[in-house]
Amino acid sequence: MRKLLAIILISMISMIGYSQTAEDSVTISKTELNKVFAAIDELIYQDSIKDVLIIDMSMQIKNYQFINVQDSLLLNYRERQINILNEQVNIYSKELKTVDKWYKKPWVGFIGGCVTITLESWILKNILQ
């Protein structure tokens, strides 16, 4: 029993030696504590604002990606349209080469008409005399 009391006494003395004393503690005044809580509240508010900004920025990024996809589709359709129009130009130029022969030009008809009238008038003048 004495050994048990001795052990309890020694353990209590060692606990008292390691316990916190008033000299080691730090006291904070109420104003300083209120300032710390106000700073924490301000940081929480700023964090919530930044969360909203992050959500807005992510939505803007999604919108820009959507617009980028639409622009690439429009560019592809424009390239197709240009290719189709170039093919039509080639088809029309080939058709003009087959339809637009030299003897089907207006100036050939005018010269032919002038030659025909001149030749007929010369023949009639020489035959009637």
N, C-alpha and C. Protein backbone atom coordinates (compact mmCIF):
# COMPACT_ATOMS: atom_id res chain seq x y z
N MET A 1 0.79 -1.16 0.00
CA MET A 1 0.00 0.00 0.00
C MET A 1 0.86 1.25 0.00
N ARG A 2 1.90 1.22 0.73
CA ARG A 2 2.80 2.37 0.77
C ARG A 2 3.42 2.62 -0.60
N LYS A 3 3.69 1.53 -1.27
CA LYS A 3 4.26 1.69 -2.61
C LYS A 3 3.24 2.36 -3.54
N LEU A 4 2.00 1.98 -3.41
CA LEU A 4 0.95 2.55 -4.24
C LEU A 4 0.78 4.02 -3.94
N LEU A 5 0.81 4.40 -2.67
CA LEU A 5 0.71 5.80 -2.29
C LEU A 5 1.92 6.59 -2.78
N ALA A 6 3.05 5.96 -2.74
CA ALA A 6 4.26 6.63 -3.20
C ALA A 6 4.18 6.86 -4.70
N ILE A 7 3.70 5.90 -5.41
CA ILE A 7 3.59 6.04 -6.87
C ILE A 7 2.56 7.12 -7.21
N ILE A 8 1.45 7.14 -6.53
CA ILE A 8 0.42 8.16 -6.77
C ILE A 8 0.95 9.53 -6.43
N LEU A 9 1.67 9.64 -5.34
CA LEU A 9 2.24 10.92 -4.94
C LEU A 9 3.27 11.41 -5.94
N ILE A 10 4.12 10.53 -6.39
CA ILE A 10 5.14 10.92 -7.37
C ILE A 10 4.48 11.32 -8.68
N SER A 11 3.48 10.58 -9.11
CA SER A 11 2.81 10.93 -10.37
C SER A 11 2.07 12.26 -10.25
N MET A 12 1.47 12.57 -9.13
CA MET A 12 0.79 13.84 -8.94
C MET A 12 1.78 15.00 -8.93
N ILE A 13 2.94 14.79 -8.31
CA ILE A 13 3.95 15.85 -8.30
C ILE A 13 4.47 16.10 -9.71
N SER A 14 4.67 15.02 -10.48
CA SER A 14 5.15 15.20 -11.84
C SER A 14 4.09 15.87 -12.71
N MET A 15 2.81 15.61 -12.47
CA MET A 15 1.75 16.27 -13.25
C MET A 15 1.67 17.74 -12.91
N ILE A 16 1.85 18.06 -11.68
CA ILE A 16 1.82 19.46 -11.27
C ILE A 16 2.99 20.20 -11.91
N GLY A 17 4.13 19.54 -12.02
CA GLY A 17 5.31 20.18 -12.61
C GLY A 17 5.13 20.45 -14.10
N TYR A 18 4.39 19.60 -14.77
CA TYR A 18 4.18 19.79 -16.21
C TYR A 18 2.89 20.51 -16.54
N SER A 19 2.10 20.83 -15.60
CA SER A 19 0.85 21.51 -15.88
C SER A 19 1.11 22.97 -16.24
N GLN A 20 0.11 23.58 -16.89
CA GLN A 20 0.26 24.96 -17.35
C GLN A 20 0.04 25.91 -16.18
N THR A 21 0.90 26.86 -16.11
CA THR A 21 0.78 27.86 -15.06
C THR A 21 0.26 29.15 -15.64
N ALA A 22 -0.09 30.07 -14.81
CA ALA A 22 -0.64 31.35 -15.25
C ALA A 22 0.40 32.18 -15.97
N GLU A 23 1.66 31.96 -15.69
CA GLU A 23 2.71 32.73 -16.35
C GLU A 23 2.85 32.35 -17.82
N ASP A 24 2.52 31.09 -18.16
CA ASP A 24 2.67 30.63 -19.55
C ASP A 24 1.48 31.02 -20.41
N SER A 25 0.36 31.32 -19.84
CA SER A 25 -0.83 31.60 -20.62
C SER A 25 -0.78 33.03 -21.17
N VAL A 26 -1.50 33.21 -22.32
CA VAL A 26 -1.56 34.51 -22.98
C VAL A 26 -2.99 34.99 -22.89
N THR A 27 -3.15 36.21 -22.48
CA THR A 27 -4.49 36.78 -22.40
C THR A 27 -4.71 37.70 -23.59
N ILE A 28 -5.89 37.60 -24.17
CA ILE A 28 -6.26 38.44 -25.31
C ILE A 28 -7.45 39.28 -24.87
N SER A 29 -7.34 40.55 -25.14
CA SER A 29 -8.44 41.43 -24.75
C SER A 29 -9.64 41.22 -25.67
N LYS A 30 -10.81 41.68 -25.22
CA LYS A 30 -12.03 41.50 -26.01
C LYS A 30 -11.96 42.27 -27.32
N THR A 31 -11.35 43.43 -27.36
CA THR A 31 -11.26 44.21 -28.59
C THR A 31 -10.38 43.51 -29.62
N GLU A 32 -9.28 42.95 -29.13
CA GLU A 32 -8.41 42.21 -30.07
C GLU A 32 -9.12 40.97 -30.57
N LEU A 33 -9.85 40.29 -29.69
CA LEU A 33 -10.59 39.11 -30.10
C LEU A 33 -11.69 39.47 -31.10
N ASN A 34 -12.35 40.59 -30.90
CA ASN A 34 -13.37 41.05 -31.86
C ASN A 34 -12.74 41.40 -33.20
N LYS A 35 -11.54 41.99 -33.16
CA LYS A 35 -10.84 42.30 -34.41
C LYS A 35 -10.49 41.01 -35.16
N VAL A 36 -10.07 39.99 -34.45
CA VAL A 36 -9.74 38.72 -35.09
C VAL A 36 -10.99 38.10 -35.71
N PHE A 37 -12.11 38.12 -34.98
CA PHE A 37 -13.35 37.58 -35.52
C PHE A 37 -13.84 38.39 -36.72
N ALA A 38 -13.68 39.71 -36.65
CA ALA A 38 -14.07 40.55 -37.79
C ALA A 38 -13.21 40.23 -39.00
N ALA A 39 -11.90 40.02 -38.79
CA ALA A 39 -11.01 39.67 -39.90
C ALA A 39 -11.40 38.33 -40.50
N ILE A 40 -11.76 37.38 -39.64
CA ILE A 40 -12.19 36.06 -40.12
C ILE A 40 -13.48 36.19 -40.93
N ASP A 41 -14.43 37.00 -40.43
CA ASP A 41 -15.68 37.23 -41.17
C ASP A 41 -15.41 37.88 -42.52
N GLU A 42 -14.49 38.83 -42.56
CA GLU A 42 -14.14 39.50 -43.82
C GLU A 42 -13.51 38.51 -44.80
N LEU A 43 -12.66 37.65 -44.31
CA LEU A 43 -12.05 36.64 -45.18
C LEU A 43 -13.08 35.65 -45.71
N ILE A 44 -14.04 35.28 -44.88
CA ILE A 44 -15.11 34.40 -45.33
C ILE A 44 -15.94 35.09 -46.41
N TYR A 45 -16.24 36.38 -46.22
CA TYR A 45 -17.00 37.14 -47.22
C TYR A 45 -16.23 37.22 -48.54
N GLN A 46 -14.94 37.55 -48.46
CA GLN A 46 -14.12 37.62 -49.67
C GLN A 46 -14.04 36.27 -50.36
N ASP A 47 -13.97 35.20 -49.59
CA ASP A 47 -13.92 33.86 -50.17
C ASP A 47 -15.21 33.55 -50.92
N SER A 48 -16.35 33.97 -50.35
CA SER A 48 -17.62 33.72 -51.03
C SER A 48 -17.71 34.52 -52.33
N ILE A 49 -17.20 35.75 -52.30
CA ILE A 49 -17.19 36.57 -53.53
C ILE A 49 -16.31 35.92 -54.59
N LYS A 50 -15.17 35.41 -54.17
CA LYS A 50 -14.26 34.76 -55.12
C LYS A 50 -14.87 33.48 -55.66
N ASP A 51 -15.65 32.77 -54.85
CA ASP A 51 -16.34 31.59 -55.36
C ASP A 51 -17.33 31.96 -56.44
N VAL A 52 -18.07 33.06 -56.24
CA VAL A 52 -19.02 33.52 -57.26
C VAL A 52 -18.27 33.93 -58.53
N LEU A 53 -17.14 34.61 -58.37
CA LEU A 53 -16.35 35.01 -59.54
C LEU A 53 -15.82 33.79 -60.28
N ILE A 54 -15.41 32.78 -59.57
CA ILE A 54 -14.91 31.56 -60.22
C ILE A 54 -16.02 30.89 -61.02
N ILE A 55 -17.22 30.87 -60.46
CA ILE A 55 -18.36 30.27 -61.18
C ILE A 55 -18.66 31.09 -62.44
N ASP A 56 -18.64 32.42 -62.32
CA ASP A 56 -18.89 33.27 -63.49
C ASP A 56 -17.82 33.07 -64.56
N MET A 57 -16.57 33.00 -64.13
CA MET A 57 -15.48 32.81 -65.10
C MET A 57 -15.59 31.44 -65.79
N SER A 58 -15.97 30.43 -65.06
CA SER A 58 -16.11 29.11 -65.68
C SER A 58 -17.26 29.11 -66.69
N MET A 59 -18.33 29.86 -66.40
CA MET A 59 -19.42 29.97 -67.37
C MET A 59 -18.98 30.74 -68.61
N GLN A 60 -18.19 31.78 -68.42
CA GLN A 60 -17.66 32.53 -69.56
C GLN A 60 -16.76 31.64 -70.42
N ILE A 61 -15.97 30.81 -69.78
CA ILE A 61 -15.10 29.91 -70.54
C ILE A 61 -15.94 28.94 -71.36
N LYS A 62 -17.01 28.40 -70.75
CA LYS A 62 -17.89 27.50 -71.50
C LYS A 62 -18.55 28.21 -72.67
N ASN A 63 -18.95 29.48 -72.47
CA ASN A 63 -19.55 30.25 -73.57
C ASN A 63 -18.54 30.49 -74.68
N TYR A 64 -17.30 30.83 -74.32
CA TYR A 64 -16.27 31.03 -75.34
C TYR A 64 -15.97 29.75 -76.10
N GLN A 65 -15.98 28.62 -75.42
CA GLN A 65 -15.76 27.35 -76.10
C GLN A 65 -16.91 27.06 -77.06
N PHE A 66 -18.13 27.35 -76.66
CA PHE A 66 -19.28 27.15 -77.53
C PHE A 66 -19.20 28.05 -78.76
N ILE A 67 -18.83 29.31 -78.54
CA ILE A 67 -18.69 30.25 -79.66
C ILE A 67 -17.56 29.80 -80.59
N ASN A 68 -16.49 29.27 -80.02
CA ASN A 68 -15.38 28.78 -80.83
C ASN A 68 -15.83 27.63 -81.73
N VAL A 69 -16.64 26.72 -81.19
CA VAL A 69 -17.16 25.61 -81.99
C VAL A 69 -18.05 26.14 -83.11
N GLN A 70 -18.91 27.11 -82.79
CA GLN A 70 -19.78 27.69 -83.81
C GLN A 70 -18.97 28.38 -84.90
N ASP A 71 -17.93 29.11 -84.51
CA ASP A 71 -17.09 29.79 -85.50
C ASP A 71 -16.39 28.79 -86.42
N SER A 72 -15.91 27.71 -85.86
CA SER A 72 -15.24 26.72 -86.70
C SER A 72 -16.23 26.07 -87.67
N LEU A 73 -17.47 25.84 -87.20
CA LEU A 73 -18.49 25.30 -88.11
C LEU A 73 -18.81 26.29 -89.23
N LEU A 74 -18.94 27.57 -88.87
CA LEU A 74 -19.21 28.59 -89.89
C LEU A 74 -18.07 28.67 -90.91
N LEU A 75 -16.84 28.58 -90.44
CA LEU A 75 -15.71 28.61 -91.36
C LEU A 75 -15.72 27.41 -92.30
N ASN A 76 -16.06 26.24 -91.78
CA ASN A 76 -16.15 25.05 -92.63
C ASN A 76 -17.23 25.22 -93.69
N TYR A 77 -18.40 25.76 -93.27
CA TYR A 77 -19.47 25.97 -94.24
C TYR A 77 -19.09 27.02 -95.28
N ARG A 78 -18.36 28.04 -94.89
CA ARG A 78 -17.90 29.05 -95.85
C ARG A 78 -16.92 28.44 -96.85
N GLU A 79 -16.04 27.59 -96.36
CA GLU A 79 -15.09 26.93 -97.28
C GLU A 79 -15.84 26.04 -98.27
N ARG A 80 -16.85 25.32 -97.79
CA ARG A 80 -17.66 24.51 -98.70
C ARG A 80 -18.35 25.38 -99.74
N GLN A 81 -18.91 26.50 -99.28
CA GLN A 81 -19.61 27.40 -100.19
C GLN A 81 -18.65 27.96 -101.24
N ILE A 82 -17.45 28.32 -100.82
CA ILE A 82 -16.46 28.83 -101.77
C ILE A 82 -16.10 27.77 -102.79
N ASN A 83 -15.92 26.52 -102.33
CA ASN A 83 -15.59 25.44 -103.26
C ASN A 83 -16.72 25.20 -104.26
N ILE A 84 -17.96 25.22 -103.78
CA ILE A 84 -19.10 25.01 -104.68
C ILE A 84 -19.19 26.14 -105.69
N LEU A 85 -18.99 27.38 -105.24
CA LEU A 85 -19.05 28.52 -106.17
C LEU A 85 -17.91 28.45 -107.20
N ASN A 86 -16.73 28.02 -106.78
CA ASN A 86 -15.63 27.86 -107.73
C ASN A 86 -15.95 26.78 -108.77
N GLU A 87 -16.58 25.70 -108.33
CA GLU A 87 -17.00 24.66 -109.28
C GLU A 87 -18.03 25.20 -110.27
N GLN A 88 -18.96 26.02 -109.79
CA GLN A 88 -19.95 26.62 -110.69
C GLN A 88 -19.29 27.54 -111.70
N VAL A 89 -18.30 28.30 -111.26
CA VAL A 89 -17.57 29.18 -112.18
C VAL A 89 -16.88 28.35 -113.25
N ASN A 90 -16.27 27.25 -112.84
CA ASN A 90 -15.59 26.39 -113.82
C ASN A 90 -16.60 25.79 -114.81
N ILE A 91 -17.76 25.37 -114.31
CA ILE A 91 -18.78 24.81 -115.20
C ILE A 91 -19.27 25.87 -116.18
N TYR A 92 -19.53 27.09 -115.70
CA TYR A 92 -19.99 28.16 -116.59
C TYR A 92 -18.93 28.55 -117.62
N SER A 93 -17.67 28.55 -117.22
CA SER A 93 -16.62 28.90 -118.20
C SER A 93 -16.50 27.82 -119.26
N LYS A 94 -16.65 26.54 -118.89
CA LYS A 94 -16.64 25.47 -119.89
C LYS A 94 -17.83 25.58 -120.83
N GLU A 95 -19.00 25.93 -120.26
CA GLU A 95 -20.19 26.08 -121.07
C GLU A 95 -20.05 27.26 -122.03
N LEU A 96 -19.44 28.34 -121.57
CA LEU A 96 -19.22 29.50 -122.46
C LEU A 96 -18.28 29.16 -123.59
N LYS A 97 -17.31 28.32 -123.33
CA LYS A 97 -16.38 27.94 -124.40
C LYS A 97 -17.08 27.12 -125.48
N THR A 98 -18.05 26.30 -125.08
CA THR A 98 -18.77 25.51 -126.09
C THR A 98 -19.83 26.34 -126.79
N VAL A 99 -20.49 27.25 -126.09
CA VAL A 99 -21.57 28.04 -126.67
C VAL A 99 -21.03 29.25 -127.41
N ASP A 100 -20.03 29.84 -126.93
CA ASP A 100 -19.53 31.12 -127.44
C ASP A 100 -18.42 30.91 -128.48
N LYS A 101 -18.80 30.41 -129.65
CA LYS A 101 -17.83 30.21 -130.73
C LYS A 101 -17.60 31.54 -131.44
N TRP A 102 -16.56 31.58 -132.27
CA TRP A 102 -16.20 32.84 -132.91
C TRP A 102 -17.25 33.27 -133.92
N TYR A 103 -17.90 32.31 -134.56
CA TYR A 103 -18.89 32.66 -135.57
C TYR A 103 -20.24 33.01 -134.97
N LYS A 104 -20.38 32.88 -133.67
CA LYS A 104 -21.62 33.27 -133.02
C LYS A 104 -21.51 34.63 -132.34
N LYS A 105 -20.44 35.34 -132.61
CA LYS A 105 -20.24 36.66 -132.01
C LYS A 105 -21.01 37.71 -132.82
N PRO A 106 -21.45 38.78 -132.17
CA PRO A 106 -22.22 39.81 -132.88
C PRO A 106 -21.41 40.52 -133.97
N TRP A 107 -20.15 40.75 -133.78
CA TRP A 107 -19.38 41.48 -134.78
C TRP A 107 -19.21 40.67 -136.06
N VAL A 108 -19.22 39.33 -135.92
CA VAL A 108 -19.12 38.49 -137.12
C VAL A 108 -20.39 38.62 -137.94
N GLY A 109 -21.55 38.66 -137.27
CA GLY A 109 -22.82 38.83 -137.98
C GLY A 109 -22.90 40.19 -138.65
N PHE A 110 -22.39 41.24 -138.00
CA PHE A 110 -22.42 42.58 -138.59
C PHE A 110 -21.55 42.62 -139.85
N ILE A 111 -20.34 42.09 -139.74
CA ILE A 111 -19.44 42.09 -140.91
C ILE A 111 -20.01 41.22 -142.02
N GLY A 112 -20.59 40.09 -141.64
CA GLY A 112 -21.21 39.21 -142.65
C GLY A 112 -22.36 39.91 -143.36
N GLY A 113 -23.16 40.64 -142.60
CA GLY A 113 -24.27 41.38 -143.21
C GLY A 113 -23.77 42.47 -144.14
N CYS A 114 -22.74 43.19 -143.72
CA CYS A 114 -22.19 44.25 -144.58
C CYS A 114 -21.61 43.66 -145.87
N VAL A 115 -20.92 42.55 -145.75
CA VAL A 115 -20.33 41.91 -146.94
C VAL A 115 -21.44 41.41 -147.86
N THR A 116 -22.47 40.84 -147.30
CA THR A 116 -23.57 40.31 -148.12
C THR A 116 -24.28 41.45 -148.86
N ILE A 117 -24.58 42.53 -148.19
CA ILE A 117 -25.26 43.65 -148.84
C ILE A 117 -24.36 44.27 -149.91
N THR A 118 -23.09 44.41 -149.60
CA THR A 118 -22.15 44.99 -150.57
C THR A 118 -22.03 44.09 -151.79
N LEU A 119 -21.91 42.80 -151.56
CA LEU A 119 -21.78 41.85 -152.67
C LEU A 119 -23.05 41.82 -153.53
N GLU A 120 -24.23 41.82 -152.91
CA GLU A 120 -25.48 41.82 -153.66
C GLU A 120 -25.64 43.10 -154.48
N SER A 121 -25.28 44.22 -153.86
CA SER A 121 -25.40 45.47 -154.61
C SER A 121 -24.41 45.51 -155.77
N TRP A 122 -23.25 44.97 -155.65
CA TRP A 122 -22.28 44.94 -156.74
C TRP A 122 -22.74 44.02 -157.87
N ILE A 123 -23.32 42.86 -157.44
CA ILE A 123 -23.83 41.93 -158.46
C ILE A 123 -25.00 42.57 -159.20
N LEU A 124 -25.92 43.20 -158.50
CA LEU A 124 -27.06 43.80 -159.16
C LEU A 124 -26.63 44.97 -160.04
N LYS A 125 -25.64 45.70 -159.66
CA LYS A 125 -25.17 46.82 -160.45
C LYS A 125 -24.50 46.34 -161.73
N ASN A 126 -23.72 45.28 -161.62
CA ASN A 126 -23.02 44.76 -162.80
C ASN A 126 -23.95 43.98 -163.71
N ILE A 127 -24.97 43.30 -163.20
CA ILE A 127 -25.87 42.51 -164.02
C ILE A 127 -26.88 43.42 -164.72
N LEU A 128 -27.41 44.40 -164.11
CA LEU A 128 -28.39 45.28 -164.70
C LEU A 128 -27.77 46.22 -165.73
N GLN A 129 -26.57 46.38 -165.82
CA GLN A 129 -25.96 47.31 -166.79
C GLN A 129 -25.68 46.65 -168.07
